[in-house]
Amino acid sequence: MVDWDTAESDGMSLTRGQLVPVVVAVWLGIAYGLLVFIGAYTVELYFTVSFIGFLVIGFLFAPPQTSRRWWSLFRLVTVPALLVFGYIVFQRIMAVVQG
């Protein structure tokens, strides 16, 4: 059984809080490369894809106790990003409504 609080790799121990930034950075790089590769890169689309990945990573690595410091920082980043995401969605809806 895997202990999600630590991951053993070649004798080095990474905590979940140390692993999350690495996974997020890898996701941001993959999202950027994929969007550029398919020719669909825009700042709004990159933010949207990155934010959705950020939320998924957050749910996958969420600690059982919410008192962890890194989880508090994760949630602090999520709130402003959610506001920006809402603004992007609002702009898109207004563009569709106005024709």
N, C-alpha and C. Protein backbone atom coordinates (compact mmCIF):
# COMPACT_ATOMS: atom_id res chain seq x y z
N MET A 1 0.84 -1.18 0.00
CA MET A 1 0.00 0.00 0.00
C MET A 1 0.88 1.24 0.00
N VAL A 2 0.49 2.26 -0.74
CA VAL A 2 1.26 3.49 -0.87
C VAL A 2 0.90 4.43 0.26
N ASP A 3 1.93 4.96 0.92
CA ASP A 3 1.72 5.99 1.93
C ASP A 3 1.76 7.33 1.22
N TRP A 4 0.63 8.01 1.12
CA TRP A 4 0.54 9.24 0.36
C TRP A 4 1.18 10.43 1.06
N ASP A 5 1.53 10.29 2.33
CA ASP A 5 2.20 11.40 3.01
C ASP A 5 3.68 11.46 2.66
N THR A 6 4.28 10.32 2.31
CA THR A 6 5.66 10.31 1.82
C THR A 6 5.75 9.37 0.64
N ALA A 7 6.62 9.68 -0.29
CA ALA A 7 6.84 8.82 -1.46
C ALA A 7 8.33 8.49 -1.51
N GLU A 8 8.68 7.23 -1.41
CA GLU A 8 10.07 6.82 -1.44
C GLU A 8 10.55 6.69 -2.88
N SER A 9 11.69 7.29 -3.16
CA SER A 9 12.28 7.20 -4.49
C SER A 9 13.79 7.24 -4.35
N ASP A 10 14.45 6.14 -4.60
CA ASP A 10 15.91 6.03 -4.52
C ASP A 10 16.45 6.53 -3.18
N GLY A 11 15.77 6.20 -2.10
CA GLY A 11 16.25 6.59 -0.79
C GLY A 11 15.91 8.02 -0.40
N MET A 12 15.36 8.79 -1.31
CA MET A 12 14.97 10.17 -1.00
C MET A 12 13.49 10.18 -0.65
N SER A 13 13.16 10.92 0.35
CA SER A 13 11.78 10.97 0.80
C SER A 13 11.18 12.34 0.48
N LEU A 14 10.08 12.35 -0.25
CA LEU A 14 9.37 13.59 -0.56
C LEU A 14 8.04 13.57 0.16
N THR A 15 7.74 14.65 0.83
CA THR A 15 6.42 14.75 1.44
C THR A 15 5.43 15.18 0.37
N ARG A 16 4.18 15.04 0.68
CA ARG A 16 3.15 15.43 -0.26
C ARG A 16 3.25 16.92 -0.58
N GLY A 17 3.55 17.73 0.43
CA GLY A 17 3.69 19.16 0.23
C GLY A 17 4.85 19.53 -0.67
N GLN A 18 5.91 18.70 -0.69
CA GLN A 18 7.05 18.95 -1.57
C GLN A 18 6.78 18.43 -2.98
N LEU A 19 5.94 17.44 -3.09
CA LEU A 19 5.66 16.84 -4.39
C LEU A 19 4.68 17.68 -5.22
N VAL A 20 3.75 18.38 -4.56
CA VAL A 20 2.74 19.15 -5.26
C VAL A 20 3.34 20.22 -6.18
N PRO A 21 4.30 21.06 -5.73
CA PRO A 21 4.86 22.06 -6.65
C PRO A 21 5.54 21.45 -7.87
N VAL A 22 6.16 20.28 -7.68
CA VAL A 22 6.80 19.61 -8.81
C VAL A 22 5.75 19.16 -9.82
N VAL A 23 4.69 18.56 -9.34
CA VAL A 23 3.62 18.09 -10.23
C VAL A 23 2.95 19.27 -10.93
N VAL A 24 2.73 20.36 -10.21
CA VAL A 24 2.11 21.56 -10.82
C VAL A 24 3.03 22.12 -11.91
N ALA A 25 4.33 22.21 -11.63
CA ALA A 25 5.27 22.73 -12.62
C ALA A 25 5.31 21.85 -13.87
N VAL A 26 5.28 20.54 -13.68
CA VAL A 26 5.25 19.63 -14.83
C VAL A 26 3.97 19.83 -15.62
N TRP A 27 2.84 19.97 -14.93
CA TRP A 27 1.56 20.18 -15.60
C TRP A 27 1.58 21.49 -16.40
N LEU A 28 2.11 22.57 -15.82
CA LEU A 28 2.16 23.85 -16.52
C LEU A 28 3.00 23.74 -17.79
N GLY A 29 4.11 23.03 -17.71
CA GLY A 29 4.95 22.83 -18.90
C GLY A 29 4.27 22.01 -19.97
N ILE A 30 3.60 20.94 -19.55
CA ILE A 30 2.88 20.09 -20.51
C ILE A 30 1.74 20.87 -21.17
N ALA A 31 1.00 21.63 -20.37
CA ALA A 31 -0.12 22.40 -20.92
C ALA A 31 0.38 23.42 -21.93
N TYR A 32 1.46 24.12 -21.61
CA TYR A 32 2.01 25.11 -22.53
C TYR A 32 2.49 24.45 -23.82
N GLY A 33 3.26 23.38 -23.68
CA GLY A 33 3.78 22.69 -24.86
C GLY A 33 2.69 22.14 -25.75
N LEU A 34 1.66 21.58 -25.14
CA LEU A 34 0.56 21.02 -25.92
C LEU A 34 -0.22 22.10 -26.65
N LEU A 35 -0.51 23.20 -25.97
CA LEU A 35 -1.26 24.28 -26.62
C LEU A 35 -0.46 24.92 -27.75
N VAL A 36 0.84 25.08 -27.57
CA VAL A 36 1.67 25.62 -28.64
C VAL A 36 1.74 24.63 -29.79
N PHE A 37 1.88 23.34 -29.48
CA PHE A 37 1.99 22.31 -30.51
C PHE A 37 0.74 22.25 -31.39
N ILE A 38 -0.44 22.36 -30.79
CA ILE A 38 -1.66 22.29 -31.60
C ILE A 38 -2.08 23.65 -32.15
N GLY A 39 -1.31 24.69 -31.85
CA GLY A 39 -1.58 26.02 -32.39
C GLY A 39 -2.78 26.71 -31.78
N ALA A 40 -3.10 26.38 -30.55
CA ALA A 40 -4.28 26.96 -29.90
C ALA A 40 -3.91 27.83 -28.70
N TYR A 41 -2.64 28.24 -28.61
CA TYR A 41 -2.20 28.98 -27.43
C TYR A 41 -2.77 30.39 -27.42
N THR A 42 -3.49 30.69 -26.37
CA THR A 42 -3.85 32.06 -25.99
C THR A 42 -3.67 32.12 -24.48
N VAL A 43 -3.48 33.32 -23.96
CA VAL A 43 -3.28 33.46 -22.52
C VAL A 43 -4.50 32.95 -21.77
N GLU A 44 -5.70 33.26 -22.27
CA GLU A 44 -6.91 32.82 -21.59
C GLU A 44 -7.04 31.30 -21.59
N LEU A 45 -6.77 30.67 -22.71
CA LEU A 45 -6.88 29.21 -22.78
C LEU A 45 -5.81 28.55 -21.92
N TYR A 46 -4.59 29.09 -21.95
CA TYR A 46 -3.53 28.53 -21.12
C TYR A 46 -3.89 28.65 -19.63
N PHE A 47 -4.42 29.80 -19.23
CA PHE A 47 -4.82 29.98 -17.83
C PHE A 47 -5.92 28.99 -17.47
N THR A 48 -6.90 28.84 -18.35
CA THR A 48 -8.02 27.94 -18.06
C THR A 48 -7.56 26.50 -17.93
N VAL A 49 -6.76 26.02 -18.86
CA VAL A 49 -6.26 24.65 -18.82
C VAL A 49 -5.36 24.45 -17.59
N SER A 50 -4.52 25.42 -17.31
CA SER A 50 -3.63 25.33 -16.16
C SER A 50 -4.41 25.33 -14.86
N PHE A 51 -5.42 26.17 -14.77
CA PHE A 51 -6.23 26.26 -13.55
C PHE A 51 -7.00 24.98 -13.30
N ILE A 52 -7.57 24.41 -14.35
CA ILE A 52 -8.29 23.14 -14.18
C ILE A 52 -7.32 22.05 -13.72
N GLY A 53 -6.13 21.99 -14.31
CA GLY A 53 -5.13 21.03 -13.87
C GLY A 53 -4.70 21.28 -12.43
N PHE A 54 -4.56 22.55 -12.06
CA PHE A 54 -4.20 22.92 -10.68
C PHE A 54 -5.25 22.42 -9.70
N LEU A 55 -6.52 22.57 -10.04
CA LEU A 55 -7.59 22.08 -9.18
C LEU A 55 -7.59 20.56 -9.07
N VAL A 56 -7.38 19.88 -10.19
CA VAL A 56 -7.34 18.41 -10.18
C VAL A 56 -6.17 17.93 -9.32
N ILE A 57 -5.01 18.55 -9.47
CA ILE A 57 -3.85 18.18 -8.66
C ILE A 57 -4.15 18.43 -7.18
N GLY A 58 -4.84 19.54 -6.91
CA GLY A 58 -5.21 19.83 -5.53
C GLY A 58 -6.11 18.76 -4.94
N PHE A 59 -7.08 18.32 -5.70
CA PHE A 59 -7.96 17.26 -5.21
C PHE A 59 -7.24 15.92 -5.06
N LEU A 60 -6.30 15.64 -5.95
CA LEU A 60 -5.56 14.38 -5.87
C LEU A 60 -4.62 14.33 -4.67
N PHE A 61 -4.03 15.46 -4.33
CA PHE A 61 -3.04 15.51 -3.27
C PHE A 61 -3.58 16.10 -1.97
N ALA A 62 -4.86 16.34 -1.87
CA ALA A 62 -5.45 16.95 -0.68
C ALA A 62 -5.14 16.11 0.56
N PRO A 63 -4.67 16.75 1.61
CA PRO A 63 -4.35 16.00 2.83
C PRO A 63 -5.61 15.64 3.60
N PRO A 64 -5.56 14.56 4.38
CA PRO A 64 -6.72 14.19 5.19
C PRO A 64 -7.05 15.25 6.23
N GLN A 65 -6.02 15.90 6.78
CA GLN A 65 -6.24 17.00 7.72
C GLN A 65 -5.95 18.30 6.98
N THR A 66 -6.88 19.24 7.07
CA THR A 66 -6.71 20.49 6.34
C THR A 66 -5.84 21.49 7.08
N SER A 67 -5.19 21.10 8.15
CA SER A 67 -4.37 22.02 8.92
C SER A 67 -2.94 22.11 8.39
N ARG A 68 -2.62 21.41 7.35
CA ARG A 68 -1.26 21.45 6.79
C ARG A 68 -0.98 22.82 6.19
N ARG A 69 0.23 23.33 6.39
CA ARG A 69 0.60 24.67 5.92
C ARG A 69 0.55 24.77 4.39
N TRP A 70 1.09 23.76 3.69
CA TRP A 70 1.11 23.84 2.24
C TRP A 70 -0.30 23.83 1.67
N TRP A 71 -1.24 23.18 2.35
CA TRP A 71 -2.61 23.16 1.86
C TRP A 71 -3.25 24.53 2.00
N SER A 72 -2.93 25.24 3.06
CA SER A 72 -3.43 26.61 3.24
C SER A 72 -2.90 27.52 2.13
N LEU A 73 -1.63 27.37 1.78
CA LEU A 73 -1.06 28.16 0.69
C LEU A 73 -1.72 27.80 -0.64
N PHE A 74 -1.98 26.52 -0.83
CA PHE A 74 -2.64 26.06 -2.05
C PHE A 74 -4.01 26.71 -2.19
N ARG A 75 -4.75 26.76 -1.09
CA ARG A 75 -6.08 27.37 -1.13
C ARG A 75 -6.00 28.88 -1.32
N LEU A 76 -4.95 29.52 -0.80
CA LEU A 76 -4.77 30.95 -1.00
C LEU A 76 -4.55 31.28 -2.48
N VAL A 77 -3.87 30.42 -3.20
CA VAL A 77 -3.65 30.63 -4.63
C VAL A 77 -4.94 30.35 -5.41
N THR A 78 -5.73 29.41 -4.94
CA THR A 78 -6.94 29.01 -5.64
C THR A 78 -7.99 30.12 -5.69
N VAL A 79 -8.13 30.89 -4.63
CA VAL A 79 -9.19 31.91 -4.57
C VAL A 79 -8.98 33.00 -5.63
N PRO A 80 -7.81 33.65 -5.72
CA PRO A 80 -7.65 34.66 -6.79
C PRO A 80 -7.74 34.04 -8.19
N ALA A 81 -7.22 32.82 -8.34
CA ALA A 81 -7.29 32.17 -9.65
C ALA A 81 -8.74 31.90 -10.04
N LEU A 82 -9.56 31.56 -9.07
CA LEU A 82 -10.98 31.35 -9.34
C LEU A 82 -11.66 32.64 -9.78
N LEU A 83 -11.27 33.75 -9.20
CA LEU A 83 -11.81 35.05 -9.61
C LEU A 83 -11.42 35.38 -11.06
N VAL A 84 -10.17 35.13 -11.41
CA VAL A 84 -9.72 35.37 -12.79
C VAL A 84 -10.46 34.44 -13.74
N PHE A 85 -10.63 33.18 -13.36
CA PHE A 85 -11.36 32.23 -14.18
C PHE A 85 -12.80 32.69 -14.39
N GLY A 86 -13.43 33.16 -13.33
CA GLY A 86 -14.80 33.69 -13.44
C GLY A 86 -14.87 34.87 -14.40
N TYR A 87 -13.87 35.74 -14.35
CA TYR A 87 -13.83 36.89 -15.26
C TYR A 87 -13.70 36.44 -16.72
N ILE A 88 -12.85 35.44 -16.97
CA ILE A 88 -12.69 34.92 -18.33
C ILE A 88 -13.99 34.31 -18.82
N VAL A 89 -14.65 33.53 -17.98
CA VAL A 89 -15.93 32.93 -18.35
C VAL A 89 -16.97 34.01 -18.62
N PHE A 90 -17.01 35.04 -17.78
CA PHE A 90 -17.95 36.15 -17.97
C PHE A 90 -17.70 36.84 -19.32
N GLN A 91 -16.45 37.10 -19.65
CA GLN A 91 -16.12 37.71 -20.94
C GLN A 91 -16.61 36.85 -22.11
N ARG A 92 -16.39 35.56 -22.02
CA ARG A 92 -16.82 34.65 -23.09
C ARG A 92 -18.34 34.63 -23.22
N ILE A 93 -19.03 34.61 -22.10
CA ILE A 93 -20.50 34.60 -22.14
C ILE A 93 -21.02 35.89 -22.74
N MET A 94 -20.44 37.03 -22.35
CA MET A 94 -20.86 38.31 -22.90
C MET A 94 -20.61 38.40 -24.39
N ALA A 95 -19.51 37.82 -24.86
CA ALA A 95 -19.20 37.82 -26.29
C ALA A 95 -20.25 37.01 -27.06
N VAL A 96 -20.70 35.91 -26.48
CA VAL A 96 -21.71 35.08 -27.14
C VAL A 96 -23.07 35.79 -27.12
N VAL A 97 -23.42 36.38 -26.00
CA VAL A 97 -24.72 37.04 -25.86
C VAL A 97 -24.81 38.25 -26.79
N GLN A 98 -23.74 39.00 -26.90
CA GLN A 98 -23.75 40.20 -27.73
C GLN A 98 -23.60 39.90 -29.22
N GLY A 99 -23.31 38.68 -29.53
CA GLY A 99 -23.29 38.27 -30.92
C GLY A 99 -21.96 38.36 -31.51
